[in-house]
Amino acid sequence: MLPLEGPRVVDLSRALAGPFRTMLLGDLGAEVIKVEEPGVGDDSRHWGPPFAGGESACYDDDAIARFYR
């Protein structure tokens, strides 16, 4: 069992520092719900270069966004 297993966190942040923080909470077991602007997404998705698969490499879905619902 992880230390934060059970709590639900709503992430309303818009840039890399906020999503990074909620990634850490997810690593500790919290359920993270990320709310982004429809059609645009998180600001960090558009930062670059470098880009990977059309998105900023800073915002790797397998890394930072792995806990988002």
PDB file of N, CA and C in Angstrom:
ATOM      1  N   MET A   1       0.840  -1.186   0.000  1.00  0.00           N
ATOM      2  CA  MET A   1       0.000   0.000   0.000  1.00  0.00           C
ATOM      3  C   MET A   1       0.885   1.251   0.000  1.00  0.00           C
ATOM      4  N   LEU A   2       0.511   2.210  -0.832  1.00  0.00           N
ATOM      5  CA  LEU A   2       1.255   3.464  -0.929  1.00  0.00           C
ATOM      6  C   LEU A   2       0.727   4.476   0.084  1.00  0.00           C
ATOM      7  N   PRO A   3       1.549   5.439   0.506  1.00  0.00           N
ATOM      8  CA  PRO A   3       1.154   6.376   1.562  1.00  0.00           C
ATOM      9  C   PRO A   3      -0.093   7.207   1.254  1.00  0.00           C
ATOM     10  N   LEU A   4      -0.311   7.564  -0.016  1.00  0.00           N
ATOM     11  CA  LEU A   4      -1.471   8.402  -0.346  1.00  0.00           C
ATOM     12  C   LEU A   4      -2.556   7.628  -1.083  1.00  0.00           C
ATOM     13  N   GLU A   5      -2.574   6.321  -0.961  1.00  0.00           N
ATOM     14  CA  GLU A   5      -3.602   5.527  -1.620  1.00  0.00           C
ATOM     15  C   GLU A   5      -4.962   5.872  -1.030  1.00  0.00           C
ATOM     16  N   GLY A   6      -5.881   6.262  -1.895  1.00  0.00           N
ATOM     17  CA  GLY A   6      -7.218   6.608  -1.437  1.00  0.00           C
ATOM     18  C   GLY A   6      -7.639   8.023  -1.770  1.00  0.00           C
ATOM     19  N   PRO A   7      -6.855   9.056  -1.450  1.00  0.00           N
ATOM     20  CA  PRO A   7      -7.277  10.425  -1.760  1.00  0.00           C
ATOM     21  C   PRO A   7      -7.371  10.680  -3.264  1.00  0.00           C
ATOM     22  N   ARG A   8      -8.270  11.551  -3.625  1.00  0.00           N
ATOM     23  CA  ARG A   8      -8.449  11.981  -5.014  1.00  0.00           C
ATOM     24  C   ARG A   8      -8.011  13.434  -5.111  1.00  0.00           C
ATOM     25  N   VAL A   9      -7.171  13.749  -6.100  1.00  0.00           N
ATOM     26  CA  VAL A   9      -6.628  15.089  -6.297  1.00  0.00           C
ATOM     27  C   VAL A   9      -7.131  15.611  -7.636  1.00  0.00           C
ATOM     28  N   VAL A  10      -7.645  16.837  -7.650  1.00  0.00           N
ATOM     29  CA  VAL A  10      -8.048  17.485  -8.899  1.00  0.00           C
ATOM     30  C   VAL A  10      -6.965  18.493  -9.256  1.00  0.00           C
ATOM     31  N   ASP A  11      -6.374  18.320 -10.438  1.00  0.00           N
ATOM     32  CA  ASP A  11      -5.296  19.188 -10.892  1.00  0.00           C
ATOM     33  C   ASP A  11      -5.852  20.200 -11.878  1.00  0.00           C
ATOM     34  N   LEU A  12      -5.884  21.469 -11.484  1.00  0.00           N
ATOM     35  CA  LEU A  12      -6.358  22.557 -12.341  1.00  0.00           C
ATOM     36  C   LEU A  12      -5.199  23.408 -12.851  1.00  0.00           C
ATOM     37  N   SER A  13      -3.971  22.954 -12.631  1.00  0.00           N
ATOM     38  CA  SER A  13      -2.797  23.734 -13.031  1.00  0.00           C
ATOM     39  C   SER A  13      -2.637  23.737 -14.549  1.00  0.00           C
ATOM     40  N   ARG A  14      -1.826  24.706 -15.041  1.00  0.00           N
ATOM     41  CA  ARG A  14      -1.708  24.883 -16.484  1.00  0.00           C
ATOM     42  C   ARG A  14      -0.302  24.763 -17.033  1.00  0.00           C
ATOM     43  N   ALA A  15       0.674  24.538 -16.225  1.00  0.00           N
ATOM     44  CA  ALA A  15       2.045  24.474 -16.739  1.00  0.00           C
ATOM     45  C   ALA A  15       2.826  23.398 -16.010  1.00  0.00           C
ATOM     46  N   LEU A  16       4.019  23.185 -16.411  1.00  0.00           N
ATOM     47  CA  LEU A  16       4.823  22.038 -16.015  1.00  0.00           C
ATOM     48  C   LEU A  16       4.949  21.820 -14.508  1.00  0.00           C
ATOM     49  N   ALA A  17       5.102  22.860 -13.712  1.00  0.00           N
ATOM     50  CA  ALA A  17       5.305  22.683 -12.268  1.00  0.00           C
ATOM     51  C   ALA A  17       4.093  22.039 -11.597  1.00  0.00           C
ATOM     52  N   GLY A  18       2.884  22.460 -11.961  1.00  0.00           N
ATOM     53  CA  GLY A  18       1.674  21.886 -11.363  1.00  0.00           C
ATOM     54  C   GLY A  18       1.501  20.416 -11.714  1.00  0.00           C
ATOM     55  N   PRO A  19       1.553  20.063 -13.004  1.00  0.00           N
ATOM     56  CA  PRO A  19       1.455  18.651 -13.360  1.00  0.00           C
ATOM     57  C   PRO A  19       2.563  17.794 -12.745  1.00  0.00           C
ATOM     58  N   PHE A  20       3.760  18.367 -12.620  1.00  0.00           N
ATOM     59  CA  PHE A  20       4.848  17.617 -11.981  1.00  0.00           C
ATOM     60  C   PHE A  20       4.499  17.310 -10.527  1.00  0.00           C
ATOM     61  N   ARG A  21       3.938  18.292  -9.851  1.00  0.00           N
ATOM     62  CA  ARG A  21       3.549  18.113  -8.449  1.00  0.00           C
ATOM     63  C   ARG A  21       2.496  17.008  -8.316  1.00  0.00           C
ATOM     64  N   THR A  22       1.490  17.037  -9.187  1.00  0.00           N
ATOM     65  CA  THR A  22       0.456  16.000  -9.084  1.00  0.00           C
ATOM     66  C   THR A  22       0.992  14.648  -9.529  1.00  0.00           C
ATOM     67  N   MET A  23       2.016  14.621 -10.405  1.00  0.00           N
ATOM     68  CA  MET A  23       2.661  13.359 -10.752  1.00  0.00           C
ATOM     69  C   MET A  23       3.276  12.734  -9.498  1.00  0.00           C
ATOM     70  N   LEU A  24       3.901  13.580  -8.668  1.00  0.00           N
ATOM     71  CA  LEU A  24       4.487  13.065  -7.430  1.00  0.00           C
ATOM     72  C   LEU A  24       3.408  12.512  -6.497  1.00  0.00           C
ATOM     73  N   LEU A  25       2.270  13.205  -6.425  1.00  0.00           N
ATOM     74  CA  LEU A  25       1.166  12.702  -5.602  1.00  0.00           C
ATOM     75  C   LEU A  25       0.655  11.364  -6.148  1.00  0.00           C
ATOM     76  N   GLY A  26       0.591  11.254  -7.480  1.00  0.00           N
ATOM     77  CA  GLY A  26       0.196   9.986  -8.101  1.00  0.00           C
ATOM     78  C   GLY A  26       1.199   8.882  -7.815  1.00  0.00           C
ATOM     79  N   ASP A  27       2.484   9.222  -7.846  1.00  0.00           N
ATOM     80  CA  ASP A  27       3.520   8.240  -7.505  1.00  0.00           C
ATOM     81  C   ASP A  27       3.332   7.706  -6.090  1.00  0.00           C
ATOM     82  N   LEU A  28       2.780   8.543  -5.219  1.00  0.00           N
ATOM     83  CA  LEU A  28       2.562   8.134  -3.826  1.00  0.00           C
ATOM     84  C   LEU A  28       1.201   7.466  -3.622  1.00  0.00           C
ATOM     85  N   GLY A  29       0.425   7.304  -4.716  1.00  0.00           N
ATOM     86  CA  GLY A  29      -0.802   6.529  -4.634  1.00  0.00           C
ATOM     87  C   GLY A  29      -2.097   7.295  -4.801  1.00  0.00           C
ATOM     88  N   ALA A  30      -2.062   8.631  -4.867  1.00  0.00           N
ATOM     89  CA  ALA A  30      -3.295   9.408  -5.010  1.00  0.00           C
ATOM     90  C   ALA A  30      -3.886   9.228  -6.412  1.00  0.00           C
ATOM     91  N   GLU A  31      -5.193   9.289  -6.504  1.00  0.00           N
ATOM     92  CA  GLU A  31      -5.877   9.293  -7.800  1.00  0.00           C
ATOM     93  C   GLU A  31      -5.902  10.741  -8.279  1.00  0.00           C
ATOM     94  N   VAL A  32      -5.413  11.009  -9.492  1.00  0.00           N
ATOM     95  CA  VAL A  32      -5.299  12.373 -10.008  1.00  0.00           C
ATOM     96  C   VAL A  32      -6.256  12.568 -11.175  1.00  0.00           C
ATOM     97  N   ILE A  33      -7.081  13.604 -11.082  1.00  0.00           N
ATOM     98  CA  ILE A  33      -7.974  13.995 -12.165  1.00  0.00           C
ATOM     99  C   ILE A  33      -7.468  15.321 -12.707  1.00  0.00           C
ATOM    100  N   LYS A  34      -7.024  15.333 -13.962  1.00  0.00           N
ATOM    101  CA  LYS A  34      -6.446  16.529 -14.588  1.00  0.00           C
ATOM    102  C   LYS A  34      -7.524  17.207 -15.423  1.00  0.00           C
ATOM    103  N   VAL A  35      -7.730  18.499 -15.179  1.00  0.00           N
ATOM    104  CA  VAL A  35      -8.693  19.294 -15.939  1.00  0.00           C
ATOM    105  C   VAL A  35      -7.902  20.236 -16.835  1.00  0.00           C
ATOM    106  N   GLU A  36      -8.131  20.124 -18.158  1.00  0.00           N
ATOM    107  CA  GLU A  36      -7.419  20.961 -19.125  1.00  0.00           C
ATOM    108  C   GLU A  36      -8.426  21.716 -19.976  1.00  0.00           C
ATOM    109  N   GLU A  37      -7.970  22.794 -20.597  1.00  0.00           N
ATOM    110  CA  GLU A  37      -8.823  23.578 -21.486  1.00  0.00           C
ATOM    111  C   GLU A  37      -9.198  22.725 -22.701  1.00  0.00           C
ATOM    112  N   PRO A  38     -10.503  22.593 -22.993  1.00  0.00           N
ATOM    113  CA  PRO A  38     -10.927  21.764 -24.123  1.00  0.00           C
ATOM    114  C   PRO A  38     -10.302  22.236 -25.437  1.00  0.00           C
ATOM    115  N   GLY A  39      -9.804  21.284 -26.211  1.00  0.00           N
ATOM    116  CA  GLY A  39      -9.233  21.576 -27.511  1.00  0.00           C
ATOM    117  C   GLY A  39      -7.821  22.127 -27.490  1.00  0.00           C
ATOM    118  N   VAL A  40      -7.330  22.535 -26.320  1.00  0.00           N
ATOM    119  CA  VAL A  40      -5.998  23.127 -26.221  1.00  0.00           C
ATOM    120  C   VAL A  40      -5.089  22.251 -25.358  1.00  0.00           C
ATOM    121  N   GLY A  41      -5.591  21.843 -24.220  1.00  0.00           N
ATOM    122  CA  GLY A  41      -4.792  21.039 -23.309  1.00  0.00           C
ATOM    123  C   GLY A  41      -3.894  21.883 -22.424  1.00  0.00           C
ATOM    124  N   ASP A  42      -2.998  21.225 -21.743  1.00  0.00           N
ATOM    125  CA  ASP A  42      -2.042  21.882 -20.854  1.00  0.00           C
ATOM    126  C   ASP A  42      -1.071  22.725 -21.670  1.00  0.00           C
ATOM    127  N   ASP A  43      -0.706  23.907 -21.156  1.00  0.00           N
ATOM    128  CA  ASP A  43       0.243  24.786 -21.864  1.00  0.00           C
ATOM    129  C   ASP A  43       1.548  24.070 -22.199  1.00  0.00           C
ATOM    130  N   SER A  44       1.998  23.189 -21.319  1.00  0.00           N
ATOM    131  CA  SER A  44       3.277  22.497 -21.503  1.00  0.00           C
ATOM    132  C   SER A  44       3.280  21.594 -22.731  1.00  0.00           C
ATOM    133  N   ARG A  45       2.117  21.197 -23.203  1.00  0.00           N
ATOM    134  CA  ARG A  45       2.051  20.307 -24.374  1.00  0.00           C
ATOM    135  C   ARG A  45       2.587  20.979 -25.629  1.00  0.00           C
ATOM    136  N   HIS A  46       2.644  22.306 -25.635  1.00  0.00           N
ATOM    137  CA  HIS A  46       3.027  23.045 -26.832  1.00  0.00           C
ATOM    138  C   HIS A  46       4.425  23.646 -26.746  1.00  0.00           C
ATOM    139  N   TRP A  47       5.138  23.406 -25.650  1.00  0.00           N
ATOM    140  CA  TRP A  47       6.480  23.951 -25.491  1.00  0.00           C
ATOM    141  C   TRP A  47       7.473  23.097 -26.272  1.00  0.00           C
ATOM    142  N   GLY A  48       8.352  23.718 -26.977  1.00  0.00           N
ATOM    143  CA  GLY A  48       9.360  22.948 -27.691  1.00  0.00           C
ATOM    144  C   GLY A  48      10.145  23.849 -28.607  1.00  0.00           C
ATOM    145  N   PRO A  49      11.049  23.356 -29.408  1.00  0.00           N
ATOM    146  CA  PRO A  49      11.384  21.945 -29.512  1.00  0.00           C
ATOM    147  C   PRO A  49      12.123  21.443 -28.276  1.00  0.00           C
ATOM    148  N   PRO A  50      12.275  20.204 -28.079  1.00  0.00           N
ATOM    149  CA  PRO A  50      11.965  19.087 -28.970  1.00  0.00           C
ATOM    150  C   PRO A  50      10.520  18.645 -28.848  1.00  0.00           C
ATOM    151  N   PHE A  51      10.005  18.103 -29.937  1.00  0.00           N
ATOM    152  CA  PHE A  51       8.666  17.548 -29.968  1.00  0.00           C
ATOM    153  C   PHE A  51       8.763  16.044 -30.190  1.00  0.00           C
ATOM    154  N   ALA A  52       7.818  15.322 -29.637  1.00  0.00           N
ATOM    155  CA  ALA A  52       7.753  13.866 -29.811  1.00  0.00           C
ATOM    156  C   ALA A  52       6.307  13.491 -30.061  1.00  0.00           C
ATOM    157  N   GLY A  53       6.005  12.999 -31.227  1.00  0.00           N
ATOM    158  CA  GLY A  53       4.635  12.594 -31.542  1.00  0.00           C
ATOM    159  C   GLY A  53       3.670  13.760 -31.552  1.00  0.00           C
ATOM    160  N   GLY A  54       4.118  14.952 -31.950  1.00  0.00           N
ATOM    161  CA  GLY A  54       3.240  16.112 -32.032  1.00  0.00           C
ATOM    162  C   GLY A  54       3.095  16.909 -30.746  1.00  0.00           C
ATOM    163  N   GLU A  55       3.631  16.407 -29.652  1.00  0.00           N
ATOM    164  CA  GLU A  55       3.577  17.116 -28.378  1.00  0.00           C
ATOM    165  C   GLU A  55       4.986  17.416 -27.896  1.00  0.00           C
ATOM    166  N   SER A  56       5.070  18.367 -26.992  1.00  0.00           N
ATOM    167  CA  SER A  56       6.358  18.708 -26.403  1.00  0.00           C
ATOM    168  C   SER A  56       6.941  17.493 -25.689  1.00  0.00           C
ATOM    169  N   ALA A  57       8.224  17.286 -25.848  1.00  0.00           N
ATOM    170  CA  ALA A  57       8.890  16.195 -25.138  1.00  0.00           C
ATOM    171  C   ALA A  57       8.900  16.455 -23.629  1.00  0.00           C
ATOM    172  N   CYS A  58       8.678  17.717 -23.214  1.00  0.00           N
ATOM    173  CA  CYS A  58       8.571  18.039 -21.781  1.00  0.00           C
ATOM    174  C   CYS A  58       7.350  17.366 -21.164  1.00  0.00           C
ATOM    175  N   TYR A  59       6.327  17.124 -21.982  1.00  0.00           N
ATOM    176  CA  TYR A  59       5.061  16.603 -21.491  1.00  0.00           C
ATOM    177  C   TYR A  59       4.862  15.201 -22.033  1.00  0.00           C
ATOM    178  N   ASP A  60       5.694  14.301 -21.600  1.00  0.00           N
ATOM    179  CA  ASP A  60       5.632  12.916 -22.051  1.00  0.00           C
ATOM    180  C   ASP A  60       4.488  12.216 -21.322  1.00  0.00           C
ATOM    181  N   ASP A  61       3.470  11.775 -22.082  1.00  0.00           N
ATOM    182  CA  ASP A  61       2.303  11.142 -21.456  1.00  0.00           C
ATOM    183  C   ASP A  61       2.667   9.913 -20.635  1.00  0.00           C
ATOM    184  N   ASP A  62       3.743   9.245 -20.991  1.00  0.00           N
ATOM    185  CA  ASP A  62       4.133   8.074 -20.217  1.00  0.00           C
ATOM    186  C   ASP A  62       4.814   8.449 -18.905  1.00  0.00           C
ATOM    187  N   ALA A  63       5.246   9.694 -18.803  1.00  0.00           N
ATOM    188  CA  ALA A  63       5.938  10.128 -17.583  1.00  0.00           C
ATOM    189  C   ALA A  63       5.021  10.983 -16.731  1.00  0.00           C
ATOM    190  N   ILE A  64       4.838  12.228 -17.106  1.00  0.00           N
ATOM    191  CA  ILE A  64       4.089  13.164 -16.279  1.00  0.00           C
ATOM    192  C   ILE A  64       2.603  12.827 -16.210  1.00  0.00           C
ATOM    193  N   ALA A  65       2.008  12.449 -17.306  1.00  0.00           N
ATOM    194  CA  ALA A  65       0.554  12.278 -17.327  1.00  0.00           C
ATOM    195  C   ALA A  65       0.102  10.846 -17.064  1.00  0.00           C
ATOM    196  N   ARG A  66       0.930  10.000 -16.548  1.00  0.00           N
ATOM    197  CA  ARG A  66       0.563   8.590 -16.409  1.00  0.00           C
ATOM    198  C   ARG A  66      -0.552   8.321 -15.402  1.00  0.00           C
ATOM    199  N   PHE A  67      -0.838   9.271 -14.515  1.00  0.00           N
ATOM    200  CA  PHE A  67      -1.875   9.036 -13.504  1.00  0.00           C
ATOM    201  C   PHE A  67      -3.167   9.777 -13.804  1.00  0.00           C
ATOM    202  N   TYR A  68      -3.197  10.580 -14.848  1.00  0.00           N
ATOM    203  CA  TYR A  68      -4.367  11.408 -15.116  1.00  0.00           C
ATOM    204  C   TYR A  68      -5.535  10.586 -15.638  1.00  0.00           C
ATOM    205  N   ARG A  69      -6.705  11.044 -15.287  1.00  0.00           N
ATOM    206  CA  ARG A  69      -7.938  10.453 -15.794  1.00  0.00           C
ATOM    207  C   ARG A  69      -8.666  11.494 -16.580  1.00  0.00           C
TER     208      ARG A  69
END
